[in-house]
C-alpha atoms as a PDB file:
ATOM      1  CA  MET A   1     -18.964  -1.875  -7.456  1.00  0.00           C
ATOM      2  CA  GLU A   2     -18.574   1.436  -8.811  1.00  0.00           C
ATOM      3  CA  MET A   3     -16.089   4.151  -8.579  1.00  0.00           C
ATOM      4  CA  PRO A   4     -17.029   6.169  -5.938  1.00  0.00           C
ATOM      5  CA  LYS A   5     -18.095   9.486  -7.280  1.00  0.00           C
ATOM      6  CA  THR A   6     -17.780  12.050  -4.798  1.00  0.00           C
ATOM      7  CA  THR A   7     -14.282  12.002  -4.600  1.00  0.00           C
ATOM      8  CA  GLU A   8     -11.647  13.314  -7.729  1.00  0.00           C
ATOM      9  CA  PHE A   9      -9.589  10.549  -8.903  1.00  0.00           C
ATOM     10  CA  ALA A  10      -6.589  10.379 -11.390  1.00  0.00           C
ATOM     11  CA  HIS A  11      -7.855   7.757 -14.153  1.00  0.00           C
ATOM     12  CA  ILE A  12      -6.301   5.042 -16.096  1.00  0.00           C
ATOM     13  CA  GLY A  13      -8.268   3.579 -18.922  1.00  0.00           C
ATOM     14  CA  LYS A  14      -8.742  -0.011 -20.028  1.00  0.00           C
ATOM     15  CA  SER A  15      -6.076   0.755 -23.186  1.00  0.00           C
ATOM     16  CA  VAL A  16      -3.425   2.498 -21.278  1.00  0.00           C
ATOM     17  CA  ILE A  17       0.166   0.313 -20.650  1.00  0.00           C
ATOM     18  CA  ILE A  18       2.182   1.551 -17.862  1.00  0.00           C
ATOM     19  CA  LYS A  19       5.268   0.393 -17.579  1.00  0.00           C
ATOM     20  CA  GLY A  20       7.808   1.436 -14.614  1.00  0.00           C
ATOM     21  CA  GLU A  21       7.110   3.575 -11.291  1.00  0.00           C
ATOM     22  CA  LEU A  22       4.101   5.339 -10.508  1.00  0.00           C
ATOM     23  CA  SER A  23       3.102   8.026  -7.937  1.00  0.00           C
ATOM     24  CA  GLY A  24       1.140  10.589  -6.839  1.00  0.00           C
ATOM     25  CA  SER A  25      -0.851  12.882  -4.580  1.00  0.00           C
ATOM     26  CA  GLU A  26      -4.134  11.680  -5.421  1.00  0.00           C
ATOM     27  CA  ASP A  27      -6.584   8.582  -5.415  1.00  0.00           C
ATOM     28  CA  LEU A  28      -5.804   6.347  -8.533  1.00  0.00           C
ATOM     29  CA  TYR A  29      -8.369   4.127 -10.559  1.00  0.00           C
ATOM     30  CA  VAL A  30      -6.274   1.607 -12.690  1.00  0.00           C
ATOM     31  CA  ASP A  31      -8.958   0.142 -15.438  1.00  0.00           C
ATOM     32  CA  GLY A  32      -5.679  -0.685 -17.761  1.00  0.00           C
ATOM     33  CA  GLN A  33      -2.319  -2.148 -17.077  1.00  0.00           C
ATOM     34  CA  VAL A  34       0.366  -1.107 -14.830  1.00  0.00           C
ATOM     35  CA  GLU A  35       3.885  -3.214 -14.380  1.00  0.00           C
ATOM     36  CA  GLY A  36       6.461  -1.920 -11.712  1.00  0.00           C
ATOM     37  CA  SER A  37       5.405  -0.114  -8.669  1.00  0.00           C
ATOM     38  CA  ILE A  38       2.600   2.434  -6.958  1.00  0.00           C
ATOM     39  CA  GLU A  39       3.397   4.590  -4.465  1.00  0.00           C
ATOM     40  CA  LEU A  40       0.398   6.608  -3.038  1.00  0.00           C
ATOM     41  CA  SER A  41       1.440   6.489   0.439  1.00  0.00           C
ATOM     42  CA  GLY A  42      -1.527   8.939   1.447  1.00  0.00           C
ATOM     43  CA  ASN A  43      -4.119   8.130  -0.844  1.00  0.00           C
ATOM     44  CA  ARG A  44      -6.543   5.286  -2.246  1.00  0.00           C
ATOM     45  CA  LEU A  45      -5.928   2.860  -5.103  1.00  0.00           C
ATOM     46  CA  ILE A  46      -8.931   0.857  -6.788  1.00  0.00           C
ATOM     47  CA  ILE A  47      -7.891  -1.238  -9.988  1.00  0.00           C
ATOM     48  CA  GLY A  48     -11.184  -1.540 -11.398  1.00  0.00           C
ATOM     49  CA  PRO A  49     -12.269  -4.725 -12.904  1.00  0.00           C
ATOM     50  CA  HIS A  50     -10.414  -4.712 -16.237  1.00  0.00           C
ATOM     51  CA  GLY A  51      -7.002  -3.216 -14.213  1.00  0.00           C
ATOM     52  CA  GLN A  52      -4.568  -5.913 -14.848  1.00  0.00           C
ATOM     53  CA  VAL A  53      -1.411  -4.462 -11.967  1.00  0.00           C
ATOM     54  CA  ARG A  54       1.634  -6.622 -11.681  1.00  0.00           C
ATOM     55  CA  ALA A  55       3.530  -3.776  -8.894  1.00  0.00           C
ATOM     56  CA  ARG A  56       4.407  -3.750  -5.646  1.00  0.00           C
ATOM     57  CA  VAL A  57       1.723  -1.304  -4.369  1.00  0.00           C
ATOM     58  CA  ASN A  58       1.746   0.909  -1.053  1.00  0.00           C
ATOM     59  CA  ALA A  59      -1.362   3.236  -0.653  1.00  0.00           C
ATOM     60  CA  LYS A  60      -3.676   4.824   2.082  1.00  0.00           C
ATOM     61  CA  GLY A  61      -6.422   2.351   0.594  1.00  0.00           C
ATOM     62  CA  VAL A  62      -6.816  -0.303  -1.561  1.00  0.00           C
ATOM     63  CA  ILE A  63      -9.848  -1.820  -3.528  1.00  0.00           C
ATOM     64  CA  VAL A  64      -9.184  -4.315  -5.962  1.00  0.00           C
ATOM     65  CA  GLN A  65     -12.001  -5.440  -8.725  1.00  0.00           C
ATOM     66  CA  GLY A  66      -9.597  -6.917 -10.958  1.00  0.00           C
ATOM     67  CA  LYS A  67      -6.166  -8.510 -11.348  1.00  0.00           C
ATOM     68  CA  LEU A  68      -3.224  -7.861  -8.746  1.00  0.00           C
ATOM     69  CA  GLU A  69       0.048  -9.394  -8.737  1.00  0.00           C
ATOM     70  CA  GLY A  70       2.318  -8.257  -6.182  1.00  0.00           C
ATOM     71  CA  ASN A  71       2.443  -6.914  -2.725  1.00  0.00           C
ATOM     72  CA  ILE A  72       0.287  -4.358  -0.937  1.00  0.00           C
ATOM     73  CA  GLN A  73       1.155  -2.098   1.918  1.00  0.00           C
ATOM     74  CA  ALA A  74      -1.758   0.017   3.000  1.00  0.00           C
ATOM     75  CA  GLY A  75      -1.961   2.223   6.097  1.00  0.00           C
ATOM     76  CA  GLU A  76      -5.657   1.864   6.114  1.00  0.00           C
ATOM     77  CA  ARG A  77      -7.597  -0.429   4.208  1.00  0.00           C
ATOM     78  CA  VAL A  78      -7.683  -3.498   1.978  1.00  0.00           C
ATOM     79  CA  GLU A  79     -10.682  -4.839   0.478  1.00  0.00           C
ATOM     80  CA  LEU A  80     -11.196  -7.775  -2.318  1.00  0.00           C
ATOM     81  CA  THR A  81     -14.519  -7.720  -4.140  1.00  0.00           C
ATOM     82  CA  LYS A  82     -15.960 -10.412  -5.273  1.00  0.00           C
ATOM     83  CA  SER A  83     -14.569 -10.513  -9.191  1.00  0.00           C
ATOM     84  CA  ALA A  84     -10.418  -9.582  -7.667  1.00  0.00           C
ATOM     85  CA  ILE A  85      -8.028 -11.620  -8.169  1.00  0.00           C
ATOM     86  CA  LEU A  86      -4.603 -11.450  -5.798  1.00  0.00           C
ATOM     87  CA  VAL A  87      -1.701 -13.309  -5.810  1.00  0.00           C
ATOM     88  CA  GLY A  88       0.885 -11.403  -2.997  1.00  0.00           C
ATOM     89  CA  ASP A  89       1.099 -10.907   0.590  1.00  0.00           C
ATOM     90  CA  ILE A  90      -1.072  -7.779   2.277  1.00  0.00           C
ATOM     91  CA  ALA A  91       0.239  -6.024   5.381  1.00  0.00           C
ATOM     92  CA  THR A  92      -2.308  -3.061   6.477  1.00  0.00           C
ATOM     93  CA  GLN A  93      -4.644  -2.377   9.597  1.00  0.00           C
ATOM     94  CA  ARG A  94      -8.171  -4.126   8.005  1.00  0.00           C
ATOM     95  CA  VAL A  95      -8.753  -6.613   5.601  1.00  0.00           C
ATOM     96  CA  ALA A  96     -12.333  -7.214   4.102  1.00  0.00           C
ATOM     97  CA  ILE A  97     -12.583 -10.229   1.595  1.00  0.00           C
ATOM     98  CA  GLU A  98     -15.589 -10.644  -0.783  1.00  0.00           C
ATOM     99  CA  GLU A  99     -17.270 -14.269  -0.968  1.00  0.00           C
ATOM    100  CA  GLY A 100     -15.809 -15.307  -4.732  1.00  0.00           C
ATOM    101  CA  ALA A 101     -12.541 -13.242  -4.344  1.00  0.00           C
ATOM    102  CA  TYR A 102      -9.809 -15.518  -5.296  1.00  0.00           C
ATOM    103  CA  PHE A 103      -6.265 -14.969  -2.890  1.00  0.00           C
ATOM    104  CA  LYS A 104      -2.500 -16.427  -2.574  1.00  0.00           C
ATOM    105  CA  GLY A 105      -0.697 -15.555   0.120  1.00  0.00           C
ATOM    106  CA  LYS A 106      -0.312 -13.520   3.293  1.00  0.00           C
ATOM    107  CA  VAL A 107      -1.689 -11.620   5.501  1.00  0.00           C
ATOM    108  CA  ASP A 108      -0.340  -9.068   7.923  1.00  0.00           C
ATOM    109  CA  ILE A 109      -2.405  -6.991  10.043  1.00  0.00           C
ATOM    110  CA  GLN A 110      -0.811  -4.025  11.448  1.00  0.00           C
ATOM    111  CA  ARG A 111      -1.883  -1.993  14.600  1.00  0.00           C
ATOM    112  CA  GLU A 112      -1.659   1.726  14.604  1.00  0.00           C
ATOM    113  CA  GLY A 113      -0.567   1.827  17.712  1.00  0.00           C
ATOM    114  CA  ALA A 114       1.887  -1.030  17.813  1.00  0.00           C
ATOM    115  CA  ARG A 115       3.521   1.000  14.933  1.00  0.00           C
ATOM    116  CA  THR A 116       3.510   4.347  16.440  1.00  0.00           C
ATOM    117  CA  GLU A 117       5.308   2.788  19.951  1.00  0.00           C
ATOM    118  CA  ALA A 118       7.493   0.605  17.818  1.00  0.00           C
ATOM    119  CA  ALA A 119       8.434   3.829  15.525  1.00  0.00           C
ATOM    120  CA  LYS A 120       9.399   5.476  18.756  1.00  0.00           C
ATOM    121  CA  ALA A 121      11.194   2.949  20.768  1.00  0.00           C
ATOM    122  CA  ALA A 122      13.594   2.130  17.830  1.00  0.00           C
ATOM    123  CA  PRO A 123      15.642   5.707  17.989  1.00  0.00           C
ATOM    124  CA  VAL A 124      15.879   5.293  21.806  1.00  0.00           C
ATOM    125  CA  ALA A 125      16.969   1.737  21.479  1.00  0.00           C
ATOM    126  CA  SER A 126      19.832   2.618  18.988  1.00  0.00           C
ATOM    127  CA  ALA A 127      20.702   6.232  20.531  1.00  0.00           C
ATOM    128  CA  SER A 128      21.552   4.106  24.152  1.00  0.00           C
ATOM    129  CA  ALA A 129      22.810   1.377  21.925  1.00  0.00           C
ATOM    130  CA  ALA A 130      25.164   3.347  20.493  1.00  0.00           C
ATOM    131  CA  ALA A 131      25.881   6.046  23.293  1.00  0.00           C
ATOM    132  CA  GLY A 132      29.255   8.128  22.553  1.00  0.00           C
ATOM    133  CA  SER A 133      28.464   8.298  18.547  1.00  0.00           C
ATOM    134  CA  SER A 134      27.627  11.202  16.832  1.00  0.00           C
ATOM    135  CA  SER A 135      23.727  11.447  16.203  1.00  0.00           C
ATOM    136  CA  GLY A 136      23.673  10.664  13.030  1.00  0.00           C
ATOM    137  CA  GLY A 137      22.910   6.980  13.343  1.00  0.00           C
ATOM    138  CA  ALA A 138      19.731   7.745  15.767  1.00  0.00           C
ATOM    139  CA  SER A 139      18.103  10.363  12.336  1.00  0.00           C
ATOM    140  CA  SER A 140      18.927   7.488   9.870  1.00  0.00           C
ATOM    141  CA  VAL A 141      16.957   4.839  12.532  1.00  0.00           C
ATOM    142  CA  MET A 142      13.606   7.740  12.649  1.00  0.00           C
ATOM    143  CA  ALA A 143      14.004   8.356   8.433  1.00  0.00           C
ATOM    144  CA  LYS A 144      13.607   4.634   7.900  1.00  0.00           C
ATOM    145  CA  SER A 145      10.574   4.430  10.530  1.00  0.00           C
ATOM    146  CA  ALA A 146       8.976   7.017   8.687  1.00  0.00           C
ATOM    147  CA  VAL A 147       9.693   5.348   5.407  1.00  0.00           C
ATOM    148  CA  THR A 148       7.973   1.746   6.830  1.00  0.00           C
ATOM    149  CA  GLU A 149       4.698   3.589   8.220  1.00  0.00           C
ATOM    150  CA  GLY A 150       4.065   4.777   5.239  1.00  0.00           C
ATOM    151  CA  LYS A 151       3.019   8.280   6.524  1.00  0.00           C
END
């Protein structure tokens, strides 16, 4: 599978090595080495066939063609191609694993409706349980819910 040509991607080439926190607001194609964390909550990550990633990943969509060691939190979809090697857990709404891909970990399929209902119910439950306290507790719960949704 080749990198889609219809969208602009930031590109990390084969000879590039990055250690640390990587974040951005555009799609990212990694064919080099990344170690640390990748935060692209509103965008897609493609790990190319030569890509070697050891990181916690949070993105809208993830396609693995190379090697990834770490957990994936994807808002929409995770795809493992036949050349993929993934050691880590996946939490997303949709998963596609091609025949021949290597995957060791667990998959947590999340329904969008269930996540939205849980996010709405959590602040209400906290507010009613903490009757008489300031609203600061309820707002911190809402902020936490927004972070876990990845939106």
